[in-house]
N, C-alpha and C. Protein backbone atom coordinates (compact mmCIF):
# COMPACT_ATOMS: atom_id res chain seq x y z
N TYR A 1 159.64 203.77 199.20
CA TYR A 1 158.24 204.39 199.47
C TYR A 1 157.29 203.34 199.92
N ALA A 2 157.66 202.20 200.13
CA ALA A 2 156.70 201.11 200.59
C ALA A 2 155.93 201.69 201.94
N VAL A 3 156.56 202.11 202.79
CA VAL A 3 155.79 202.66 203.92
C VAL A 3 154.72 203.72 203.77
N GLN A 4 155.10 204.62 202.68
CA GLN A 4 154.02 205.58 202.49
C GLN A 4 152.78 204.87 201.77
N GLY A 5 152.88 203.91 201.04
CA GLY A 5 151.77 203.18 200.51
C GLY A 5 150.98 202.59 201.53
N TYR A 6 151.77 201.87 202.60
CA TYR A 6 151.28 201.10 203.73
C TYR A 6 150.31 202.29 204.50
N ASP A 7 150.89 203.43 204.72
CA ASP A 7 150.22 204.45 205.49
C ASP A 7 148.95 204.90 204.78
N ALA A 8 149.14 205.02 203.69
CA ALA A 8 147.90 205.52 202.71
C ALA A 8 146.68 204.60 202.82
N ALA A 9 147.09 203.40 202.72
CA ALA A 9 146.22 202.27 202.83
C ALA A 9 145.44 202.23 204.33
N GLN A 10 146.08 202.53 205.29
CA GLN A 10 145.66 202.65 206.64
C GLN A 10 144.73 203.91 206.84
N MET A 11 145.25 205.02 206.22
CA MET A 11 144.47 206.10 206.29
C MET A 11 143.12 206.00 205.69
N TYR A 12 143.12 205.36 204.39
CA TYR A 12 141.92 205.26 203.62
C TYR A 12 141.13 204.36 204.25
N GLU A 13 141.49 203.10 204.84
CA GLU A 13 140.67 202.23 205.80
C GLU A 13 139.98 202.94 206.73
N ALA A 14 140.72 204.00 207.51
CA ALA A 14 140.22 204.80 208.62
C ALA A 14 138.99 205.58 208.10
N GLY A 15 139.29 206.22 206.84
CA GLY A 15 138.27 207.08 206.30
C GLY A 15 136.85 206.37 205.80
N LEU A 16 137.09 205.12 205.29
CA LEU A 16 136.19 204.19 204.83
C LEU A 16 135.39 203.84 205.90
N LYS A 17 135.87 203.35 206.98
CA LYS A 17 135.21 203.12 208.38
C LYS A 17 134.41 204.10 208.74
N ALA A 18 134.96 205.38 208.74
CA ALA A 18 134.03 206.46 209.10
C ALA A 18 132.79 206.69 208.29
N ALA A 19 133.08 206.43 207.03
CA ALA A 19 131.93 206.44 206.15
C ALA A 19 130.99 205.21 205.98
N GLY A 20 131.12 204.30 207.12
CA GLY A 20 130.31 203.11 207.02
C GLY A 20 130.55 202.19 205.92
N GLY A 21 131.82 202.27 205.32
CA GLY A 21 132.08 201.42 204.41
C GLY A 21 131.76 201.69 202.75
N ASP A 22 131.29 202.98 202.75
CA ASP A 22 130.63 203.48 201.42
C ASP A 22 131.57 204.36 200.81
N PRO A 23 132.22 203.83 199.65
CA PRO A 23 133.32 204.53 198.92
C PRO A 23 132.69 205.75 198.27
N GLU A 24 131.26 205.91 198.18
CA GLU A 24 130.66 207.10 197.47
C GLU A 24 130.66 208.43 198.44
N LYS A 25 130.90 208.06 199.76
CA LYS A 25 130.66 209.13 200.65
C LYS A 25 132.17 209.85 201.04
N GLN A 26 132.43 210.54 200.03
CA GLN A 26 133.73 211.28 200.00
C GLN A 26 133.94 212.11 201.03
N GLU A 27 133.15 213.06 201.51
CA GLU A 27 133.15 214.06 202.51
C GLU A 27 133.44 213.15 203.84
N GLU A 28 132.75 212.21 203.93
CA GLU A 28 132.89 211.31 205.41
C GLU A 28 134.09 210.61 205.31
N ILE A 29 134.69 210.24 204.18
CA ILE A 29 136.15 209.51 204.20
C ILE A 29 137.00 210.56 204.61
N ILE A 30 136.94 211.77 204.02
CA ILE A 30 137.90 212.67 204.14
C ILE A 30 137.87 213.24 205.73
N LYS A 31 136.85 213.48 206.28
CA LYS A 31 136.85 213.76 207.79
C LYS A 31 137.35 212.47 208.53
N GLY A 32 136.97 211.42 208.08
CA GLY A 32 137.55 210.26 208.87
C GLY A 32 139.09 210.28 208.95
N MET A 33 139.37 210.47 207.74
CA MET A 33 141.01 210.62 207.52
C MET A 33 141.66 211.86 208.23
N GLU A 34 140.87 212.83 208.25
CA GLU A 34 141.46 214.04 208.91
C GLU A 34 141.64 213.74 210.51
N SER A 35 140.68 212.95 211.05
CA SER A 35 140.67 212.76 212.42
C SER A 35 141.37 211.35 212.83
N ALA A 36 141.92 210.58 211.95
CA ALA A 36 142.53 209.39 212.15
C ALA A 36 143.87 209.47 212.87
N LYS A 37 144.31 208.63 213.73
CA LYS A 37 145.65 208.39 214.14
C LYS A 37 145.99 206.91 213.93
N ILE A 38 147.12 206.67 213.02
CA ILE A 38 147.50 205.45 212.57
C ILE A 38 148.65 205.08 213.21
N ASP A 39 149.06 203.64 213.39
CA ASP A 39 150.02 203.24 213.76
C ASP A 39 150.97 202.72 212.67
N SER A 40 151.88 203.49 212.31
CA SER A 40 152.70 203.25 211.20
C SER A 40 154.03 202.34 211.46
N PRO A 41 154.82 201.84 210.54
CA PRO A 41 156.12 201.46 210.93
C PRO A 41 157.07 202.54 211.07
N ARG A 42 156.77 203.85 210.82
CA ARG A 42 157.55 205.01 211.20
C ARG A 42 157.06 205.62 212.26
N GLY A 43 156.19 204.91 213.08
CA GLY A 43 155.65 205.59 214.12
C GLY A 43 154.10 206.12 214.03
N ALA A 44 153.56 206.28 215.19
CA ALA A 44 152.12 206.84 214.86
C ALA A 44 152.03 208.26 214.42
N PHE A 45 151.13 208.45 213.47
CA PHE A 45 150.90 209.97 213.11
C PHE A 45 149.45 210.06 212.75
N THR A 46 149.30 211.50 212.68
CA THR A 46 147.91 212.00 212.07
C THR A 46 148.09 212.98 210.84
N LEU A 47 147.06 213.55 210.40
CA LEU A 47 147.38 214.31 209.36
C LEU A 47 147.19 215.87 209.84
N SER A 48 148.03 216.75 209.14
CA SER A 48 147.92 218.23 209.47
C SER A 48 146.70 218.74 208.62
N LYS A 49 146.44 220.00 208.72
CA LYS A 49 145.31 220.73 208.07
C LYS A 49 145.42 220.66 206.59
N ALA A 50 146.83 220.66 206.29
CA ALA A 50 147.11 220.35 204.90
C ALA A 50 147.33 219.01 204.13
N HIS A 51 146.82 218.03 205.05
CA HIS A 51 146.77 216.65 204.79
C HIS A 51 148.21 216.09 204.66
N ASN A 52 149.05 216.69 205.40
CA ASN A 52 150.45 215.95 205.41
C ASN A 52 150.71 215.33 206.86
N PRO A 53 151.57 214.31 206.84
CA PRO A 53 151.70 213.70 208.13
C PRO A 53 152.43 214.52 209.07
N VAL A 54 151.88 214.48 210.40
CA VAL A 54 152.39 215.04 211.51
C VAL A 54 153.13 213.87 212.32
N GLN A 55 154.29 213.89 212.42
CA GLN A 55 155.02 212.72 213.06
C GLN A 55 156.26 213.01 213.70
N ASP A 56 156.50 211.85 214.57
CA ASP A 56 157.92 212.12 215.22
C ASP A 56 159.14 211.76 214.26
N ILE A 57 160.20 212.37 214.51
CA ILE A 57 161.38 211.91 213.66
C ILE A 57 162.44 211.27 214.51
N TYR A 58 162.92 210.32 214.29
CA TYR A 58 163.95 209.57 215.18
C TYR A 58 165.22 209.56 214.66
N MET A 59 166.26 209.51 215.63
CA MET A 59 167.74 209.20 215.25
C MET A 59 167.80 207.69 215.73
N ARG A 60 168.38 206.98 214.71
CA ARG A 60 168.63 205.56 214.96
C ARG A 60 170.20 205.28 214.70
N GLN A 61 170.61 204.21 215.44
CA GLN A 61 171.98 203.87 215.05
C GLN A 61 172.03 202.30 214.65
N VAL A 62 172.57 201.96 213.63
CA VAL A 62 172.73 200.60 213.22
C VAL A 62 173.99 200.27 213.11
N LYS A 63 174.29 199.10 213.94
CA LYS A 63 175.67 198.40 213.92
C LYS A 63 175.46 196.99 213.90
N GLY A 64 175.95 196.33 212.84
CA GLY A 64 175.80 194.87 212.73
C GLY A 64 174.32 194.75 212.60
N ASP A 65 173.96 193.93 213.51
CA ASP A 65 172.38 193.41 213.30
C ASP A 65 171.67 194.14 214.33
N GLN A 66 172.07 195.16 215.03
CA GLN A 66 171.51 195.98 215.99
C GLN A 66 170.95 197.34 215.38
N ASN A 67 169.61 197.73 215.57
CA ASN A 67 169.08 198.76 215.14
C ASN A 67 168.48 199.52 216.31
N VAL A 68 169.20 200.45 216.87
CA VAL A 68 168.72 201.05 218.24
C VAL A 68 168.22 202.64 218.13
N MET A 69 167.11 202.82 218.64
CA MET A 69 166.59 204.20 218.37
C MET A 69 167.44 205.08 219.64
N LEU A 70 168.00 206.03 219.19
CA LEU A 70 168.75 206.99 220.10
C LEU A 70 168.01 207.98 220.78
N GLU A 71 167.24 208.79 220.04
CA GLU A 71 166.46 209.67 220.54
C GLU A 71 165.36 210.20 219.57
N VAL A 72 164.39 210.87 220.08
CA VAL A 72 163.32 211.66 219.21
C VAL A 72 163.96 212.89 218.89
N VAL A 73 164.30 213.25 217.69
CA VAL A 73 164.72 214.41 217.13
C VAL A 73 163.81 215.56 217.10
N SER A 74 162.70 215.21 216.67
CA SER A 74 161.51 216.22 216.57
C SER A 74 160.33 215.52 216.83
N LYS A 75 159.65 216.02 217.85
CA LYS A 75 158.34 215.56 218.18
C LYS A 75 157.18 216.16 217.53
N GLY A 76 156.30 215.47 216.84
CA GLY A 76 155.17 216.06 216.26
C GLY A 76 155.54 217.05 215.18
N LEU A 77 156.49 216.62 214.18
CA LEU A 77 156.87 217.59 213.18
C LEU A 77 155.89 217.70 212.15
N GLU A 78 155.58 218.92 211.79
CA GLU A 78 154.41 219.31 210.85
C GLU A 78 154.99 220.09 209.55
N ASP A 79 154.60 219.72 208.45
CA ASP A 79 154.90 220.50 207.43
C ASP A 79 154.15 221.94 207.40
N PRO A 80 154.91 223.12 207.39
CA PRO A 80 154.03 224.30 207.44
C PRO A 80 153.19 224.61 206.48
N ALA A 81 153.08 223.70 205.18
CA ALA A 81 152.25 223.94 204.13
C ALA A 81 152.23 225.41 203.57
N ARG A 82 153.37 226.19 203.48
CA ARG A 82 153.10 227.50 202.99
C ARG A 82 152.44 227.63 201.58
N GLY A 83 151.39 228.37 201.63
CA GLY A 83 150.84 228.79 200.33
C GLY A 83 149.55 227.63 200.19
N CYS A 84 149.40 226.79 200.91
CA CYS A 84 148.46 225.67 200.67
C CYS A 84 147.07 226.32 201.04
N LYS A 85 146.10 226.11 200.21
CA LYS A 85 144.97 226.63 200.34
C LYS A 85 143.90 225.73 201.19
N MET A 86 144.20 224.64 201.52
CA MET A 86 143.31 223.55 202.22
C MET A 86 142.90 224.16 203.57
């Protein structure tokens, strides 16, 4: 789960920058996070309208010390967030 924590910190930083560094400006932080595109170890991603990651899913093959990306299995995968009221 380390990468999710890393991504969350990057998202919050983007929101905080959008709010001019003021942690009390919650609406501006949220808007900044909603429009952010971050570069994550799992690839670049943004947030959906339900605030879930929209990201590419990769197929990789690991043999010995080689870790090779074979293909993008799903481009811009987004959680449908069924029932979410956001």
